[in-house]
Amino acid sequence: MLGGSIAGLMAARVLSDQARRVVVFERDEMPSVPVPVPVPVPVPRSPVAP
């Protein structure tokens, strides 16, 4: 399996049901320190929604 994106990981999971071993290859290196998750931007409520 090529690619460690969410789609690649989901495809690897499905393939693991049929294969003895699944290997995922990722192009980018894992960061040595955790990357902070960005704070989500607040979305204003719609005046139409209750």
PDB file of N, CA and C in Angstrom:
ATOM      1  N   MET A   1       0.862  -1.159   0.000  1.00  0.00           N
ATOM      2  CA  MET A   1       0.000   0.000   0.000  1.00  0.00           C
ATOM      3  C   MET A   1       0.906   1.219   0.000  1.00  0.00           C
ATOM      4  N   LEU A   2       0.626   2.162  -0.846  1.00  0.00           N
ATOM      5  CA  LEU A   2       1.407   3.400  -0.902  1.00  0.00           C
ATOM      6  C   LEU A   2       0.581   4.540  -0.351  1.00  0.00           C
ATOM      7  N   GLY A   3       1.109   5.224   0.648  1.00  0.00           N
ATOM      8  CA  GLY A   3       0.461   6.408   1.191  1.00  0.00           C
ATOM      9  C   GLY A   3      -0.157   6.160   2.549  1.00  0.00           C
ATOM     10  N   GLY A   4       0.215   7.002   3.507  1.00  0.00           N
ATOM     11  CA  GLY A   4      -0.296   6.872   4.863  1.00  0.00           C
ATOM     12  C   GLY A   4      -1.374   7.879   5.180  1.00  0.00           C
ATOM     13  N   SER A   5      -2.045   8.386   4.145  1.00  0.00           N
ATOM     14  CA  SER A   5      -3.158   9.306   4.410  1.00  0.00           C
ATOM     15  C   SER A   5      -4.314   8.510   4.989  1.00  0.00           C
ATOM     16  N   ILE A   6      -5.367   9.174   5.362  1.00  0.00           N
ATOM     17  CA  ILE A   6      -6.522   8.473   5.921  1.00  0.00           C
ATOM     18  C   ILE A   6      -7.091   7.486   4.909  1.00  0.00           C
ATOM     19  N   ALA A   7      -7.092   7.841   3.634  1.00  0.00           N
ATOM     20  CA  ALA A   7      -7.589   6.930   2.600  1.00  0.00           C
ATOM     21  C   ALA A   7      -6.661   5.725   2.461  1.00  0.00           C
ATOM     22  N   GLY A   8      -5.362   5.949   2.501  1.00  0.00           N
ATOM     23  CA  GLY A   8      -4.407   4.852   2.404  1.00  0.00           C
ATOM     24  C   GLY A   8      -4.505   3.904   3.585  1.00  0.00           C
ATOM     25  N   LEU A   9      -4.686   4.471   4.792  1.00  0.00           N
ATOM     26  CA  LEU A   9      -4.819   3.627   5.977  1.00  0.00           C
ATOM     27  C   LEU A   9      -6.112   2.835   5.956  1.00  0.00           C
ATOM     28  N   MET A  10      -7.185   3.449   5.467  1.00  0.00           N
ATOM     29  CA  MET A  10      -8.459   2.722   5.373  1.00  0.00           C
ATOM     30  C   MET A  10      -8.359   1.604   4.337  1.00  0.00           C
ATOM     31  N   ALA A  11      -7.688   1.869   3.212  1.00  0.00           N
ATOM     32  CA  ALA A  11      -7.507   0.831   2.199  1.00  0.00           C
ATOM     33  C   ALA A  11      -6.655  -0.306   2.759  1.00  0.00           C
ATOM     34  N   ALA A  12      -5.621   0.026   3.531  1.00  0.00           N
ATOM     35  CA  ALA A  12      -4.785  -1.004   4.149  1.00  0.00           C
ATOM     36  C   ALA A  12      -5.596  -1.840   5.131  1.00  0.00           C
ATOM     37  N   ARG A  13      -6.474  -1.196   5.854  1.00  0.00           N
ATOM     38  CA  ARG A  13      -7.326  -1.930   6.805  1.00  0.00           C
ATOM     39  C   ARG A  13      -8.223  -2.924   6.078  1.00  0.00           C
ATOM     40  N   VAL A  14      -8.831  -2.495   4.970  1.00  0.00           N
ATOM     41  CA  VAL A  14      -9.704  -3.385   4.200  1.00  0.00           C
ATOM     42  C   VAL A  14      -8.884  -4.527   3.593  1.00  0.00           C
ATOM     43  N   LEU A  15      -7.705  -4.208   3.070  1.00  0.00           N
ATOM     44  CA  LEU A  15      -6.848  -5.245   2.487  1.00  0.00           C
ATOM     45  C   LEU A  15      -6.392  -6.260   3.532  1.00  0.00           C
ATOM     46  N   SER A  16      -6.254  -5.811   4.775  1.00  0.00           N
ATOM     47  CA  SER A  16      -5.775  -6.720   5.820  1.00  0.00           C
ATOM     48  C   SER A  16      -6.763  -7.849   6.094  1.00  0.00           C
ATOM     49  N   ASP A  17      -8.012  -7.695   5.698  1.00  0.00           N
ATOM     50  CA  ASP A  17      -8.983  -8.783   5.846  1.00  0.00           C
ATOM     51  C   ASP A  17      -8.666  -9.941   4.905  1.00  0.00           C
ATOM     52  N   GLN A  18      -8.034  -9.649   3.781  1.00  0.00           N
ATOM     53  CA  GLN A  18      -7.764 -10.665   2.768  1.00  0.00           C
ATOM     54  C   GLN A  18      -6.286 -11.063   2.686  1.00  0.00           C
ATOM     55  N   ALA A  19      -5.395 -10.231   3.167  1.00  0.00           N
ATOM     56  CA  ALA A  19      -3.959 -10.482   3.038  1.00  0.00           C
ATOM     57  C   ALA A  19      -3.366 -10.894   4.381  1.00  0.00           C
ATOM     58  N   ARG A  20      -2.294 -11.644   4.309  1.00  0.00           N
ATOM     59  CA  ARG A  20      -1.614 -12.057   5.528  1.00  0.00           C
ATOM     60  C   ARG A  20      -0.857 -10.875   6.144  1.00  0.00           C
ATOM     61  N   ARG A  21      -0.315 -10.010   5.279  1.00  0.00           N
ATOM     62  CA  ARG A  21       0.452  -8.862   5.765  1.00  0.00           C
ATOM     63  C   ARG A  21       0.257  -7.698   4.809  1.00  0.00           C
ATOM     64  N   VAL A  22       0.066  -6.510   5.360  1.00  0.00           N
ATOM     65  CA  VAL A  22      -0.067  -5.283   4.565  1.00  0.00           C
ATOM     66  C   VAL A  22       0.999  -4.311   5.055  1.00  0.00           C
ATOM     67  N   VAL A  23       1.753  -3.745   4.125  1.00  0.00           N
ATOM     68  CA  VAL A  23       2.804  -2.784   4.452  1.00  0.00           C
ATOM     69  C   VAL A  23       2.412  -1.441   3.856  1.00  0.00           C
ATOM     70  N   VAL A  24       2.466  -0.394   4.680  1.00  0.00           N
ATOM     71  CA  VAL A  24       2.131   0.961   4.232  1.00  0.00           C
ATOM     72  C   VAL A  24       3.441   1.734   4.076  1.00  0.00           C
ATOM     73  N   PHE A  25       3.678   2.281   2.890  1.00  0.00           N
ATOM     74  CA  PHE A  25       4.849   3.107   2.619  1.00  0.00           C
ATOM     75  C   PHE A  25       4.421   4.563   2.592  1.00  0.00           C
ATOM     76  N   GLU A  26       5.119   5.398   3.349  1.00  0.00           N
ATOM     77  CA  GLU A  26       4.818   6.826   3.402  1.00  0.00           C
ATOM     78  C   GLU A  26       6.034   7.592   2.893  1.00  0.00           C
ATOM     79  N   ARG A  27       5.793   8.590   2.080  1.00  0.00           N
ATOM     80  CA  ARG A  27       6.874   9.388   1.501  1.00  0.00           C
ATOM     81  C   ARG A  27       7.534  10.284   2.544  1.00  0.00           C
ATOM     82  N   ASP A  28       6.741  10.905   3.405  1.00  0.00           N
ATOM     83  CA  ASP A  28       7.260  11.870   4.373  1.00  0.00           C
ATOM     84  C   ASP A  28       7.696  11.173   5.661  1.00  0.00           C
ATOM     85  N   GLU A  29       8.689  11.764   6.327  1.00  0.00           N
ATOM     86  CA  GLU A  29       9.151  11.241   7.607  1.00  0.00           C
ATOM     87  C   GLU A  29       8.205  11.691   8.723  1.00  0.00           C
ATOM     88  N   MET A  30       8.122  10.877   9.757  1.00  0.00           N
ATOM     89  CA  MET A  30       7.345  11.258  10.930  1.00  0.00           C
ATOM     90  C   MET A  30       8.121  12.340  11.686  1.00  0.00           C
ATOM     91  N   PRO A  31       7.444  13.358  12.226  1.00  0.00           N
ATOM     92  CA  PRO A  31       8.150  14.382  12.997  1.00  0.00           C
ATOM     93  C   PRO A  31       8.702  13.775  14.291  1.00  0.00           C
ATOM     94  N   SER A  32       9.839  14.288  14.751  1.00  0.00           N
ATOM     95  CA  SER A  32      10.451  13.762  15.970  1.00  0.00           C
ATOM     96  C   SER A  32       9.713  14.238  17.218  1.00  0.00           C
ATOM     97  N   VAL A  33       8.992  15.338  17.104  1.00  0.00           N
ATOM     98  CA  VAL A  33       8.171  15.836  18.226  1.00  0.00           C
ATOM     99  C   VAL A  33       6.725  15.947  17.738  1.00  0.00           C
ATOM    100  N   PRO A  34       5.767  15.781  18.644  1.00  0.00           N
ATOM    101  CA  PRO A  34       4.360  15.898  18.223  1.00  0.00           C
ATOM    102  C   PRO A  34       4.051  17.275  17.638  1.00  0.00           C
ATOM    103  N   VAL A  35       3.267  17.292  16.592  1.00  0.00           N
ATOM    104  CA  VAL A  35       2.857  18.539  15.949  1.00  0.00           C
ATOM    105  C   VAL A  35       1.559  18.992  16.608  1.00  0.00           C
ATOM    106  N   PRO A  36       1.501  20.244  17.087  1.00  0.00           N
ATOM    107  CA  PRO A  36       0.260  20.688  17.726  1.00  0.00           C
ATOM    108  C   PRO A  36      -0.902  20.741  16.735  1.00  0.00           C
ATOM    109  N   VAL A  37      -2.053  20.371  17.224  1.00  0.00           N
ATOM    110  CA  VAL A  37      -3.261  20.406  16.394  1.00  0.00           C
ATOM    111  C   VAL A  37      -3.752  21.845  16.343  1.00  0.00           C
ATOM    112  N   PRO A  38      -4.025  22.381  15.148  1.00  0.00           N
ATOM    113  CA  PRO A  38      -4.491  23.763  15.065  1.00  0.00           C
ATOM    114  C   PRO A  38      -5.862  23.928  15.715  1.00  0.00           C
ATOM    115  N   VAL A  39      -6.068  25.094  16.287  1.00  0.00           N
ATOM    116  CA  VAL A  39      -7.358  25.409  16.911  1.00  0.00           C
ATOM    117  C   VAL A  39      -8.370  25.656  15.803  1.00  0.00           C
ATOM    118  N   PRO A  40      -9.541  25.018  15.851  1.00  0.00           N
ATOM    119  CA  PRO A  40     -10.533  25.237  14.796  1.00  0.00           C
ATOM    120  C   PRO A  40     -11.056  26.675  14.807  1.00  0.00           C
ATOM    121  N   VAL A  41     -11.362  27.166  13.632  1.00  0.00           N
ATOM    122  CA  VAL A  41     -11.912  28.510  13.494  1.00  0.00           C
ATOM    123  C   VAL A  41     -13.390  28.450  13.828  1.00  0.00           C
ATOM    124  N   PRO A  42     -13.868  29.311  14.725  1.00  0.00           N
ATOM    125  CA  PRO A  42     -15.296  29.274  15.040  1.00  0.00           C
ATOM    126  C   PRO A  42     -16.145  29.671  13.837  1.00  0.00           C
ATOM    127  N   VAL A  43     -17.234  28.979  13.652  1.00  0.00           N
ATOM    128  CA  VAL A  43     -18.143  29.251  12.548  1.00  0.00           C
ATOM    129  C   VAL A  43     -19.362  29.963  13.116  1.00  0.00           C
ATOM    130  N   PRO A  44     -19.686  31.128  12.594  1.00  0.00           N
ATOM    131  CA  PRO A  44     -20.853  31.836  13.131  1.00  0.00           C
ATOM    132  C   PRO A  44     -22.141  31.076  12.810  1.00  0.00           C
ATOM    133  N   ARG A  45     -23.072  31.167  13.702  1.00  0.00           N
ATOM    134  CA  ARG A  45     -24.360  30.511  13.489  1.00  0.00           C
ATOM    135  C   ARG A  45     -25.133  31.224  12.413  1.00  0.00           C
ATOM    136  N   SER A  46     -25.846  30.455  11.628  1.00  0.00           N
ATOM    137  CA  SER A  46     -26.653  31.013  10.563  1.00  0.00           C
ATOM    138  C   SER A  46     -27.909  31.636  11.157  1.00  0.00           C
ATOM    139  N   PRO A  47     -28.300  32.820  10.674  1.00  0.00           N
ATOM    140  CA  PRO A  47     -29.536  33.417  11.206  1.00  0.00           C
ATOM    141  C   PRO A  47     -30.789  32.625  10.823  1.00  0.00           C
ATOM    142  N   VAL A  48     -30.648  31.723   9.842  1.00  0.00           N
ATOM    143  CA  VAL A  48     -31.798  30.922   9.395  1.00  0.00           C
ATOM    144  C   VAL A  48     -31.955  29.686  10.289  1.00  0.00           C
ATOM    145  N   ALA A  49     -30.826  29.152  10.764  1.00  0.00           N
ATOM    146  CA  ALA A  49     -30.889  27.943  11.595  1.00  0.00           C
ATOM    147  C   ALA A  49     -31.478  28.276  12.961  1.00  0.00           C
ATOM    148  N   PRO A  50     -32.212  27.342  13.562  1.00  0.00           N
ATOM    149  CA  PRO A  50     -32.782  27.601  14.894  1.00  0.00           C
ATOM    150  C   PRO A  50     -31.745  27.674  15.966  1.00  0.00           C
TER     151      PRO A  50
END
